[in-house]
Amino acid sequence: MRHAMRLMGRQRLCELATSNGGRVAGAVSALSLELEGADWGEPADALDAFPKAELSGCRLRVPLHDGYLVILALNCVAGIVLVEFAGQVSGSA
């Protein structure tokens, strides 16, 4: 059964979009729209929307250009996508 997802931690995406001179603002905007329209029954469903992403358990690592990354925690049963990290890859370790 699929569930419409609710996006939590949106402020991290907003900060990323404005903190780097707008270099990834377009990618962040597109990612936000995709997440707001997500309808996933299980974490693996997210890979259909983000084929370059890596899924590890319920964590989805979505690479953006210029070395930026967004890490999402997916709880499909509760219908929640939580933005855990949004920034340069070196800051996610």
Protein backbone atom coordinates (compact mmCIF):
# COMPACT_ATOMS: atom_id res chain seq x y z
CA MET A 1 0.00 0.00 0.00
CA ARG A 2 1.34 3.41 -0.99
CA HIS A 3 1.16 6.51 1.18
CA ALA A 4 1.37 10.21 0.40
CA MET A 5 4.45 11.52 2.19
CA ARG A 6 4.71 14.61 4.39
CA LEU A 7 7.98 16.58 4.16
CA MET A 8 9.64 17.46 7.46
CA GLY A 9 12.87 19.43 7.90
CA ARG A 10 12.13 21.66 4.94
CA GLN A 11 14.19 24.45 6.53
CA ARG A 12 17.37 22.49 5.80
CA LEU A 13 16.51 22.54 2.09
CA CYS A 14 15.74 26.26 2.24
CA GLU A 15 19.08 26.94 3.93
CA LEU A 16 20.92 24.91 1.30
CA ALA A 17 19.18 26.72 -1.55
CA THR A 18 20.20 30.14 -0.23
CA SER A 19 23.57 29.45 1.43
CA ASN A 20 25.75 28.73 -1.59
CA GLY A 21 25.08 31.67 -3.86
CA GLY A 22 22.18 29.84 -5.48
CA ARG A 23 24.37 27.22 -7.21
CA VAL A 24 22.01 24.39 -6.26
CA ALA A 25 18.80 26.39 -5.79
CA GLY A 26 17.19 24.90 -8.92
CA ALA A 27 18.08 21.34 -7.92
CA VAL A 28 16.81 21.92 -4.38
CA SER A 29 13.56 23.37 -5.72
CA ALA A 30 13.04 20.37 -7.99
CA LEU A 31 13.86 17.98 -5.14
CA SER A 32 11.39 19.74 -2.83
CA LEU A 33 8.60 19.49 -5.40
CA GLU A 34 9.33 15.81 -5.95
CA LEU A 35 9.29 15.12 -2.21
CA GLU A 36 6.06 17.04 -1.69
CA GLY A 37 4.40 14.89 -4.36
CA ALA A 38 5.91 11.60 -3.18
CA ASP A 39 3.62 8.62 -2.75
CA TRP A 40 5.72 5.73 -1.47
CA GLY A 41 4.69 2.46 0.12
CA GLU A 42 8.25 1.48 1.03
CA PRO A 43 11.68 3.13 0.90
CA ALA A 44 12.65 1.29 -2.30
CA ASP A 45 9.87 3.17 -4.11
CA ALA A 46 11.94 6.35 -3.71
CA LEU A 47 14.56 4.98 -6.10
CA ASP A 48 12.05 5.27 -8.95
CA ALA A 49 12.02 9.04 -8.41
CA PHE A 50 15.75 9.32 -7.67
CA PRO A 51 17.63 6.67 -9.67
CA LYS A 52 21.06 8.18 -8.80
CA ALA A 53 20.30 8.02 -5.09
CA GLU A 54 21.61 5.38 -2.70
CA LEU A 55 19.27 3.61 -0.32
CA SER A 56 20.51 2.12 2.95
CA GLY A 57 17.69 0.85 5.10
CA CYS A 58 15.36 3.81 5.47
CA ARG A 59 18.03 6.42 4.57
CA LEU A 60 18.12 7.86 1.06
CA ARG A 61 21.24 9.76 -0.05
CA VAL A 62 20.36 12.06 -2.96
CA PRO A 63 23.41 13.57 -4.67
CA LEU A 64 23.14 17.04 -6.17
CA HIS A 65 25.68 18.67 -8.46
CA ASP A 66 28.82 20.50 -7.23
CA GLY A 67 29.38 18.06 -4.35
CA TYR A 68 26.12 18.70 -2.50
CA LEU A 69 24.04 15.98 -0.92
CA VAL A 70 20.65 15.57 0.75
CA ILE A 71 20.06 12.73 3.19
CA LEU A 72 16.47 11.75 3.81
CA ALA A 73 15.02 9.46 6.47
CA LEU A 74 11.93 7.70 5.11
CA ASN A 75 9.09 6.40 7.26
CA CYS A 76 6.60 5.17 4.72
CA VAL A 77 4.24 3.67 7.32
CA ALA A 78 3.88 7.08 9.00
CA GLY A 79 4.05 8.88 5.64
CA ILE A 80 7.02 11.07 6.59
CA VAL A 81 10.15 12.16 4.74
CA LEU A 82 12.62 13.86 7.10
CA VAL A 83 15.47 15.93 5.70
CA GLU A 84 18.33 14.91 7.99
CA PHE A 85 21.12 16.65 6.11
CA ALA A 86 21.41 19.08 3.22
CA GLY A 87 24.85 20.44 2.37
CA GLN A 88 28.27 19.66 0.96
CA VAL A 89 29.28 16.01 1.04
CA SER A 90 32.27 16.74 3.28
CA GLY A 91 29.84 17.97 5.96
CA SER A 92 27.79 14.76 6.07
CA ALA A 93 30.32 12.39 7.64
